C-alpha cells in the first residue's frame, strides 16, 4: 500500500473539547503518524502520514470527532511526508 501525507484543517467547535487528545488516540489505533495543534482562529490543524487507507480512515474519523465536538468542515490537502513515527500534540 502506498504511503501518503495530508494536511488537514478542521473547523467548528473543536477546541476545548479534547479533540486533539481524541485524535491522537485515533491515530495511534490506526498507525497514522504526524501531529495536531490548535490554531488562533479556533480551528485545529493536523499533518497525517502513513498507509493511504489508514490516513483515509483517520480523515473520516476526524469528520465525526469526539462526542463533545461539532465538526463543521474538514479541509484536506496533499502534503509532503514528514518524519514517520509517532503522532504528537503540538501547541
PDB file of N, CA and C in Angstrom:
ATOM      1  N   UNK A   1       0.856  -1.183   0.000  1.00  0.00           N
ATOM      2  CA  UNK A   1       0.000   0.000   0.000  1.00  0.00           C
ATOM      3  C   UNK A   1       0.893   1.234   0.000  1.00  0.00           C
ATOM      4  N   UNK A   2       0.468   2.274  -0.666  1.00  0.00           N
ATOM      5  CA  UNK A   2       1.256   3.495  -0.807  1.00  0.00           C
ATOM      6  C   UNK A   2       1.209   4.340   0.458  1.00  0.00           C
ATOM      7  N   UNK A   3       2.344   4.956   0.755  1.00  0.00           N
ATOM      8  CA  UNK A   3       2.430   5.915   1.853  1.00  0.00           C
ATOM      9  C   UNK A   3       2.007   7.281   1.329  1.00  0.00           C
ATOM     10  N   UNK A   4       1.198   7.988   2.100  1.00  0.00           N
ATOM     11  CA  UNK A   4       0.730   9.318   1.716  1.00  0.00           C
ATOM     12  C   UNK A   4       0.855  10.256   2.911  1.00  0.00           C
ATOM     13  N   UNK A   5       0.726  11.557   2.627  1.00  0.00           N
ATOM     14  CA  UNK A   5       0.680  12.557   3.686  1.00  0.00           C
ATOM     15  C   UNK A   5      -0.402  13.564   3.326  1.00  0.00           C
ATOM     16  N   UNK A   6      -1.114  14.040   4.333  1.00  0.00           N
ATOM     17  CA  UNK A   6      -2.202  15.002   4.139  1.00  0.00           C
ATOM     18  C   UNK A   6      -2.115  16.088   5.211  1.00  0.00           C
ATOM     19  N   UNK A   7      -2.411  17.309   4.800  1.00  0.00           N
ATOM     20  CA  UNK A   7      -2.545  18.429   5.721  1.00  0.00           C
ATOM     21  C   UNK A   7      -4.040  18.660   5.912  1.00  0.00           C
ATOM     22  N   UNK A   8      -4.476  18.775   7.157  1.00  0.00           N
ATOM     23  CA  UNK A   8      -5.898  18.845   7.494  1.00  0.00           C
ATOM     24  C   UNK A   8      -6.178  20.111   8.298  1.00  0.00           C
ATOM     25  N   UNK A   9      -7.299  20.765   8.015  1.00  0.00           N
ATOM     26  CA  UNK A   9      -7.800  21.853   8.868  1.00  0.00           C
ATOM     27  C   UNK A   9      -9.252  21.522   9.198  1.00  0.00           C
ATOM     28  N   UNK A  10      -9.546  21.486  10.498  1.00  0.00           N
ATOM     29  CA  UNK A  10     -10.883  21.149  10.984  1.00  0.00           C
ATOM     30  C   UNK A  10     -11.480  22.396  11.630  1.00  0.00           C
ATOM     31  N   UNK A  11     -12.687  22.766  11.200  1.00  0.00           N
ATOM     32  CA  UNK A  11     -13.367  23.924  11.780  1.00  0.00           C
ATOM     33  C   UNK A  11     -14.651  23.479  12.464  1.00  0.00           C
ATOM     34  N   UNK A  12     -15.115  24.311  13.370  1.00  0.00           N
ATOM     35  CA  UNK A  12     -16.304  24.024  14.166  1.00  0.00           C
ATOM     36  C   UNK A  12     -15.969  24.218  15.632  1.00  0.00           C
ATOM     37  N   UNK A  13     -16.673  23.514  16.490  1.00  0.00           N
ATOM     38  CA  UNK A  13     -16.356  23.543  17.922  1.00  0.00           C
ATOM     39  C   UNK A  13     -15.382  22.394  18.180  1.00  0.00           C
ATOM     40  N   UNK A  14     -14.100  22.677  17.957  1.00  0.00           N
ATOM     41  CA  UNK A  14     -13.075  21.635  18.031  1.00  0.00           C
ATOM     42  C   UNK A  14     -11.947  21.976  19.004  1.00  0.00           C
ATOM     43  N   UNK A  15     -12.059  23.103  19.699  1.00  0.00           N
ATOM     44  CA  UNK A  15     -11.087  23.432  20.742  1.00  0.00           C
ATOM     45  C   UNK A  15     -11.805  23.419  22.085  1.00  0.00           C
ATOM     46  N   UNK A  16     -11.097  22.934  23.088  1.00  0.00           N
ATOM     47  CA  UNK A  16     -11.683  22.868  24.425  1.00  0.00           C
ATOM     48  C   UNK A  16     -12.625  21.697  24.616  1.00  0.00           C
ATOM     49  N   UNK A  17     -12.609  20.746  23.690  1.00  0.00           N
ATOM     50  CA  UNK A  17     -13.485  19.569  23.776  1.00  0.00           C
ATOM     51  C   UNK A  17     -12.672  18.274  23.645  1.00  0.00           C
ATOM     52  N   UNK A  18     -11.375  18.361  23.891  1.00  0.00           N
ATOM     53  CA  UNK A  18     -10.463  17.212  23.841  1.00  0.00           C
ATOM     54  C   UNK A  18     -10.317  16.613  22.440  1.00  0.00           C
ATOM     55  N   UNK A  19     -10.530  17.441  21.420  1.00  0.00           N
ATOM     56  CA  UNK A  19     -10.412  16.952  20.041  1.00  0.00           C
ATOM     57  C   UNK A  19      -8.994  16.455  19.751  1.00  0.00           C
ATOM     58  N   UNK A  20      -7.986  17.207  20.157  1.00  0.00           N
ATOM     59  CA  UNK A  20      -6.600  16.816  19.861  1.00  0.00           C
ATOM     60  C   UNK A  20      -6.225  15.501  20.541  1.00  0.00           C
ATOM     61  N   UNK A  21      -6.547  15.364  21.810  1.00  0.00           N
ATOM     62  CA  UNK A  21      -6.226  14.130  22.531  1.00  0.00           C
ATOM     63  C   UNK A  21      -6.979  12.947  21.933  1.00  0.00           C
ATOM     64  N   UNK A  22      -8.229  13.183  21.573  1.00  0.00           N
ATOM     65  CA  UNK A  22      -9.022  12.134  20.923  1.00  0.00           C
ATOM     66  C   UNK A  22      -8.373  11.724  19.599  1.00  0.00           C
ATOM     67  N   UNK A  23      -7.959  12.718  18.807  1.00  0.00           N
ATOM     68  CA  UNK A  23      -7.332  12.443  17.510  1.00  0.00           C
ATOM     69  C   UNK A  23      -6.031  11.674  17.683  1.00  0.00           C
ATOM     70  N   UNK A  24      -5.273  12.004  18.718  1.00  0.00           N
ATOM     71  CA  UNK A  24      -4.028  11.284  18.968  1.00  0.00           C
ATOM     72  C   UNK A  24      -4.304   9.803  19.225  1.00  0.00           C
ATOM     73  N   UNK A  25      -5.322   9.508  20.003  1.00  0.00           N
ATOM     74  CA  UNK A  25      -5.693   8.114  20.256  1.00  0.00           C
ATOM     75  C   UNK A  25      -6.148   7.401  18.990  1.00  0.00           C
ATOM     76  N   UNK A  26      -6.923   8.088  18.163  1.00  0.00           N
ATOM     77  CA  UNK A  26      -7.382   7.500  16.906  1.00  0.00           C
ATOM     78  C   UNK A  26      -6.203   7.213  15.985  1.00  0.00           C
ATOM     79  N   UNK A  27      -5.265   8.156  15.897  1.00  0.00           N
ATOM     80  CA  UNK A  27      -4.090   7.988  15.039  1.00  0.00           C
ATOM     81  C   UNK A  27      -3.248   6.806  15.491  1.00  0.00           C
ATOM     82  N   UNK A  28      -3.066   6.697  16.780  1.00  0.00           N
ATOM     83  CA  UNK A  28      -2.282   5.565  17.300  1.00  0.00           C
ATOM     84  C   UNK A  28      -2.974   4.241  16.979  1.00  0.00           C
ATOM     85  N   UNK A  29      -4.285   4.205  17.120  1.00  0.00           N
ATOM     86  CA  UNK A  29      -5.040   2.986  16.813  1.00  0.00           C
ATOM     87  C   UNK A  29      -4.889   2.594  15.346  1.00  0.00           C
ATOM     88  N   UNK A  30      -4.855   3.590  14.459  1.00  0.00           N
ATOM     89  CA  UNK A  30      -4.782   3.332  13.022  1.00  0.00           C
ATOM     90  C   UNK A  30      -3.354   3.238  12.483  1.00  0.00           C
ATOM     91  N   UNK A  31      -2.379   3.551  13.305  1.00  0.00           N
ATOM     92  CA  UNK A  31      -0.993   3.528  12.849  1.00  0.00           C
ATOM     93  C   UNK A  31      -0.623   4.728  11.987  1.00  0.00           C
ATOM     94  N   UNK A  32      -1.269   5.865  12.237  1.00  0.00           N
ATOM     95  CA  UNK A  32      -1.005   7.094  11.493  1.00  0.00           C
ATOM     96  C   UNK A  32      -0.035   7.954  12.291  1.00  0.00           C
ATOM     97  N   UNK A  33       0.964   8.509  11.632  1.00  0.00           N
ATOM     98  CA  UNK A  33       1.914   9.397  12.298  1.00  0.00           C
ATOM     99  C   UNK A  33       1.600  10.844  11.955  1.00  0.00           C
ATOM    100  N   UNK A  34       2.257  11.773  12.667  1.00  0.00           N
ATOM    101  CA  UNK A  34       2.074  13.178  12.369  1.00  0.00           C
ATOM    102  C   UNK A  34       1.896  14.006  13.619  1.00  0.00           C
ATOM    103  N   UNK A  35       1.100  15.053  13.517  1.00  0.00           N
ATOM    104  CA  UNK A  35       0.882  15.972  14.629  1.00  0.00           C
ATOM    105  C   UNK A  35      -0.457  16.671  14.474  1.00  0.00           C
ATOM    106  N   UNK A  36      -0.887  17.315  15.573  1.00  0.00           N
ATOM    107  CA  UNK A  36      -2.128  18.091  15.583  1.00  0.00           C
ATOM    108  C   UNK A  36      -1.951  19.263  16.537  1.00  0.00           C
ATOM    109  N   UNK A  37      -2.521  20.420  16.187  1.00  0.00           N
ATOM    110  CA  UNK A  37      -2.408  21.597  17.047  1.00  0.00           C
ATOM    111  C   UNK A  37      -3.616  22.502  16.889  1.00  0.00           C
ATOM    112  N   UNK A  38      -3.867  23.303  17.932  1.00  0.00           N
ATOM    113  CA  UNK A  38      -4.896  24.341  17.885  1.00  0.00           C
ATOM    114  C   UNK A  38      -4.349  25.541  17.128  1.00  0.00           C
ATOM    115  N   UNK A  39      -5.217  26.224  16.404  1.00  0.00           N
ATOM    116  CA  UNK A  39      -4.858  27.441  15.685  1.00  0.00           C
ATOM    117  C   UNK A  39      -5.535  28.640  16.351  1.00  0.00           C
ATOM    118  N   UNK A  40      -4.952  29.831  16.212  1.00  0.00           N
ATOM    119  CA  UNK A  40      -5.526  31.024  16.836  1.00  0.00           C
ATOM    120  C   UNK A  40      -6.962  31.334  16.391  1.00  0.00           C
ATOM    121  N   UNK A  41      -7.347  30.907  15.190  1.00  0.00           N
ATOM    122  CA  UNK A  41      -8.695  31.206  14.683  1.00  0.00           C
ATOM    123  C   UNK A  41      -9.765  30.242  15.199  1.00  0.00           C
ATOM    124  N   UNK A  42      -9.384  29.313  16.089  1.00  0.00           N
ATOM    125  CA  UNK A  42     -10.343  28.372  16.655  1.00  0.00           C
ATOM    126  C   UNK A  42     -10.410  27.039  15.929  1.00  0.00           C
ATOM    127  N   UNK A  43      -9.695  26.915  14.829  1.00  0.00           N
ATOM    128  CA  UNK A  43      -9.663  25.647  14.102  1.00  0.00           C
ATOM    129  C   UNK A  43      -8.564  24.751  14.671  1.00  0.00           C
ATOM    130  N   UNK A  44      -8.491  23.545  14.163  1.00  0.00           N
ATOM    131  CA  UNK A  44      -7.442  22.601  14.506  1.00  0.00           C
ATOM    132  C   UNK A  44      -6.757  22.211  13.205  1.00  0.00           C
ATOM    133  N   UNK A  45      -5.431  22.152  13.246  1.00  0.00           N
ATOM    134  CA  UNK A  45      -4.621  21.821  12.074  1.00  0.00           C
ATOM    135  C   UNK A  45      -3.864  20.537  12.374  1.00  0.00           C
ATOM    136  N   UNK A  46      -3.734  19.680  11.359  1.00  0.00           N
ATOM    137  CA  UNK A  46      -3.027  18.415  11.559  1.00  0.00           C
ATOM    138  C   UNK A  46      -2.249  18.033  10.318  1.00  0.00           C
ATOM    139  N   UNK A  47      -1.217  17.243  10.540  1.00  0.00           N
ATOM    140  CA  UNK A  47      -0.469  16.611   9.452  1.00  0.00           C
ATOM    141  C   UNK A  47      -0.555  15.115   9.705  1.00  0.00           C
ATOM    142  N   UNK A  48      -1.026  14.377   8.712  1.00  0.00           N
ATOM    143  CA  UNK A  48      -1.200  12.932   8.831  1.00  0.00           C
ATOM    144  C   UNK A  48      -0.299  12.239   7.823  1.00  0.00           C
ATOM    145  N   UNK A  49       0.320  11.154   8.226  1.00  0.00           N
ATOM    146  CA  UNK A  49       1.140  10.372   7.320  1.00  0.00           C
ATOM    147  C   UNK A  49       0.985   8.894   7.596  1.00  0.00           C
ATOM    148  N   UNK A  50       1.103   8.101   6.543  1.00  0.00           N
ATOM    149  CA  UNK A  50       1.024   6.659   6.709  1.00  0.00           C
ATOM    150  C   UNK A  50       0.430   5.984   5.494  1.00  0.00           C
ATOM    151  N   UNK A  51       0.017   4.752   5.682  1.00  0.00           N
ATOM    152  CA  UNK A  51      -0.607   3.993   4.599  1.00  0.00           C
ATOM    153  C   UNK A  51      -1.881   4.709   4.164  1.00  0.00           C
ATOM    154  N   UNK A  52      -2.113   4.763   2.868  1.00  0.00           N
ATOM    155  CA  UNK A  52      -3.224   5.548   2.326  1.00  0.00           C
ATOM    156  C   UNK A  52      -4.569   5.184   2.947  1.00  0.00           C
ATOM    157  N   UNK A  53      -4.853   3.894   3.089  1.00  0.00           N
ATOM    158  CA  UNK A  53      -6.153   3.509   3.654  1.00  0.00           C
ATOM    159  C   UNK A  53      -6.281   3.935   5.115  1.00  0.00           C
ATOM    160  N   UNK A  54      -5.184   3.896   5.872  1.00  0.00           N
ATOM    161  CA  UNK A  54      -5.218   4.317   7.277  1.00  0.00           C
ATOM    162  C   UNK A  54      -5.424   5.826   7.392  1.00  0.00           C
ATOM    163  N   UNK A  55      -4.742   6.589   6.536  1.00  0.00           N
ATOM    164  CA  UNK A  55      -4.907   8.042   6.540  1.00  0.00           C
ATOM    165  C   UNK A  55      -6.339   8.401   6.154  1.00  0.00           C
ATOM    166  N   UNK A  56      -6.877   7.716   5.150  1.00  0.00           N
ATOM    167  CA  UNK A  56      -8.265   7.977   4.742  1.00  0.00           C
ATOM    168  C   UNK A  56      -9.244   7.683   5.871  1.00  0.00           C
ATOM    169  N   UNK A  57      -9.026   6.596   6.600  1.00  0.00           N
ATOM    170  CA  UNK A  57      -9.905   6.269   7.733  1.00  0.00           C
ATOM    171  C   UNK A  57      -9.774   7.304   8.842  1.00  0.00           C
ATOM    172  N   UNK A  58      -8.553   7.796   9.048  1.00  0.00           N
ATOM    173  CA  UNK A  58      -8.338   8.835  10.053  1.00  0.00           C
ATOM    174  C   UNK A  58      -9.104  10.100   9.678  1.00  0.00           C
ATOM    175  N   UNK A  59      -9.058  10.485   8.426  1.00  0.00           N
ATOM    176  CA  UNK A  59      -9.781  11.674   7.971  1.00  0.00           C
ATOM    177  C   UNK A  59     -11.280  11.491   8.185  1.00  0.00           C
ATOM    178  N   UNK A  60     -11.798  10.322   7.892  1.00  0.00           N
ATOM    179  CA  UNK A  60     -13.224  10.071   8.116  1.00  0.00           C
ATOM    180  C   UNK A  60     -13.583  10.191   9.595  1.00  0.00           C
ATOM    181  N   UNK A  61     -12.724   9.672  10.460  1.00  0.00           N
ATOM    182  CA  UNK A  61     -12.975   9.798  11.900  1.00  0.00           C
ATOM    183  C   UNK A  61     -12.909  11.252  12.331  1.00  0.00           C
ATOM    184  N   UNK A  62     -11.989  12.025  11.752  1.00  0.00           N
ATOM    185  CA  UNK A  62     -11.865  13.440  12.112  1.00  0.00           C
ATOM    186  C   UNK A  62     -13.097  14.230  11.686  1.00  0.00           C
ATOM    187  N   UNK A  63     -13.789  13.781  10.661  1.00  0.00           N
ATOM    188  CA  UNK A  63     -15.027  14.437  10.231  1.00  0.00           C
ATOM    189  C   UNK A  63     -16.128  14.270  11.281  1.00  0.00           C
ATOM    190  N   UNK A  64     -16.068  13.208  12.065  1.00  0.00           N
ATOM    191  CA  UNK A  64     -17.040  12.970  13.135  1.00  0.00           C
ATOM    192  C   UNK A  64     -16.587  13.623  14.431  1.00  0.00           C
ATOM    193  N   UNK A  65     -15.335  13.396  14.801  1.00  0.00           N
ATOM    194  CA  UNK A  65     -14.792  13.948  16.034  1.00  0.00           C
ATOM    195  C   UNK A  65     -15.324  13.241  17.265  1.00  0.00           C
ATOM    196  N   UNK A  66     -14.835  13.652  18.435  1.00  0.00           N
ATOM    197  CA  UNK A  66     -15.339  13.090  19.691  1.00  0.00           C
ATOM    198  C   UNK A  66     -16.740  13.610  19.978  1.00  0.00           C
ATOM    199  N   UNK A  67     -17.395  13.025  20.957  1.00  0.00           N
ATOM    200  CA  UNK A  67     -18.803  13.350  21.216  1.00  0.00           C
ATOM    201  C   UNK A  67     -19.038  14.813  21.591  1.00  0.00           C
ATOM    202  N   UNK A  68     -18.084  15.478  22.227  1.00  0.00           N
ATOM    203  CA  UNK A  68     -18.275  16.868  22.637  1.00  0.00           C
ATOM    204  C   UNK A  68     -17.997  17.880  21.527  1.00  0.00           C
ATOM    205  N   UNK A  69     -17.428  17.434  20.438  1.00  0.00           N
ATOM    206  CA  UNK A  69     -17.076  18.344  19.339  1.00  0.00           C
ATOM    207  C   UNK A  69     -18.236  18.492  18.360  1.00  0.00           C
ATOM    208  N   UNK A  70     -18.186  19.576  17.612  1.00  0.00           N
ATOM    209  CA  UNK A  70     -19.101  19.763  16.484  1.00  0.00           C
ATOM    210  C   UNK A  70     -18.246  20.166  15.285  1.00  0.00           C
ATOM    211  N   UNK A  71     -18.019  19.229  14.394  1.00  0.00           N
ATOM    212  CA  UNK A  71     -17.174  19.474  13.225  1.00  0.00           C
ATOM    213  C   UNK A  71     -18.041  20.068  12.124  1.00  0.00           C
ATOM    214  N   UNK A  72     -17.669  21.273  11.673  1.00  0.00           N
ATOM    215  CA  UNK A  72     -18.388  21.916  10.578  1.00  0.00           C
ATOM    216  C   UNK A  72     -17.778  21.584   9.226  1.00  0.00           C
ATOM    217  N   UNK A  73     -16.439  21.542   9.154  1.00  0.00           N
ATOM    218  CA  UNK A  73     -15.779  21.300   7.874  1.00  0.00           C
ATOM    219  C   UNK A  73     -14.400  20.705   8.117  1.00  0.00           C
ATOM    220  N   UNK A  74     -13.957  19.889   7.172  1.00  0.00           N
ATOM    221  CA  UNK A  74     -12.611  19.334   7.184  1.00  0.00           C
ATOM    222  C   UNK A  74     -12.010  19.580   5.811  1.00  0.00           C
ATOM    223  N   UNK A  75     -10.971  20.395   5.767  1.00  0.00           N
ATOM    224  CA  UNK A  75     -10.255  20.653   4.517  1.00  0.00           C
ATOM    225  C   UNK A  75      -9.061  19.715   4.447  1.00  0.00           C
ATOM    226  N   UNK A  76      -8.862  19.089   3.292  1.00  0.00           N
ATOM    227  CA  UNK A  76      -7.788  18.118   3.110  1.00  0.00           C
ATOM    228  C   UNK A  76      -6.946  18.528   1.912  1.00  0.00           C
ATOM    229  N   UNK A  77      -5.637  18.591   2.112  1.00  0.00           N
ATOM    230  CA  UNK A  77      -4.706  18.880   1.028  1.00  0.00           C
ATOM    231  C   UNK A  77      -3.594  17.847   1.037  1.00  0.00           C
ATOM    232  N   UNK A  78      -3.083  17.513  -0.145  1.00  0.00           N
ATOM    233  CA  UNK A  78      -1.906  16.655  -0.202  1.00  0.00           C
ATOM    234  C   UNK A  78      -0.747  17.403   0.424  1.00  0.00           C
ATOM    235  N   UNK A  79       0.169  16.666   1.032  1.00  0.00           N
ATOM    236  CA  UNK A  79       1.303  17.284   1.720  1.00  0.00           C
ATOM    237  C   UNK A  79       2.553  16.445   1.492  1.00  0.00           C
ATOM    238  N   UNK A  80       3.676  17.062   1.748  1.00  0.00           N
ATOM    239  CA  UNK A  80       4.944  16.342   1.693  1.00  0.00           C
ATOM    240  C   UNK A  80       5.086  15.494   2.951  1.00  0.00           C
ATOM    241  N   UNK A  81       5.604  14.301   2.816  1.00  0.00           N
ATOM    242  CA  UNK A  81       5.805  13.457   4.002  1.00  0.00           C
ATOM    243  C   UNK A  81       6.763  14.118   4.985  1.00  0.00           C
ATOM    244  N   UNK A  82       6.506  13.912   6.254  1.00  0.00           N
ATOM    245  CA  UNK A  82       7.414  14.354   7.309  1.00  0.00           C
ATOM    246  C   UNK A  82       8.003  13.115   7.944  1.00  0.00           C
ATOM    247  N   UNK A  83       8.777  13.295   8.981  1.00  0.00           N
ATOM    248  CA  UNK A  83       9.393  12.154   9.645  1.00  0.00           C
ATOM    249  C   UNK A  83       8.323  11.214  10.177  1.00  0.00           C
ATOM    250  N   UNK A  84       8.357   9.951   9.741  1.00  0.00           N
ATOM    251  CA  UNK A  84       7.364   8.997  10.267  1.00  0.00           C
ATOM    252  C   UNK A  84       7.678   8.671  11.725  1.00  0.00           C
ATOM    253  N   UNK A  85       6.716   8.151  12.378  1.00  0.00           N
ATOM    254  CA  UNK A  85       6.897   7.789  13.779  1.00  0.00           C
ATOM    255  C   UNK A  85       5.625   7.951  14.544  1.00  0.00           C
ATOM    256  N   UNK A  86       5.683   8.692  15.601  1.00  0.00           N
ATOM    257  CA  UNK A  86       4.519   8.832  16.472  1.00  0.00           C
ATOM    258  C   UNK A  86       3.621   9.986  16.033  1.00  0.00           C
ATOM    259  N   UNK A  87       2.498  10.109  16.711  1.00  0.00           N
ATOM    260  CA  UNK A  87       1.560  11.200  16.472  1.00  0.00           C
ATOM    261  C   UNK A  87       1.585  12.081  17.702  1.00  0.00           C
ATOM    262  N   UNK A  88       1.981  13.342  17.539  1.00  0.00           N
ATOM    263  CA  UNK A  88       2.186  14.194  18.710  1.00  0.00           C
ATOM    264  C   UNK A  88       1.219  15.384  18.738  1.00  0.00           C
ATOM    265  N   UNK A  89       0.988  15.851  19.956  1.00  0.00           N
ATOM    266  CA  UNK A  89       0.209  17.060  20.184  1.00  0.00           C
ATOM    267  C   UNK A  89       1.181  18.231  20.166  1.00  0.00           C
ATOM    268  N   UNK A  90       0.827  19.258  19.404  1.00  0.00           N
ATOM    269  CA  UNK A  90       1.658  20.467  19.363  1.00  0.00           C
ATOM    270  C   UNK A  90       0.854  21.638  19.884  1.00  0.00           C
ATOM    271  N   UNK A  91       1.564  22.660  20.287  1.00  0.00           N
ATOM    272  CA  UNK A  91       0.917  23.901  20.755  1.00  0.00           C
ATOM    273  C   UNK A  91       0.902  24.919  19.660  1.00  0.00           C
TER     274      UNK A  91
END
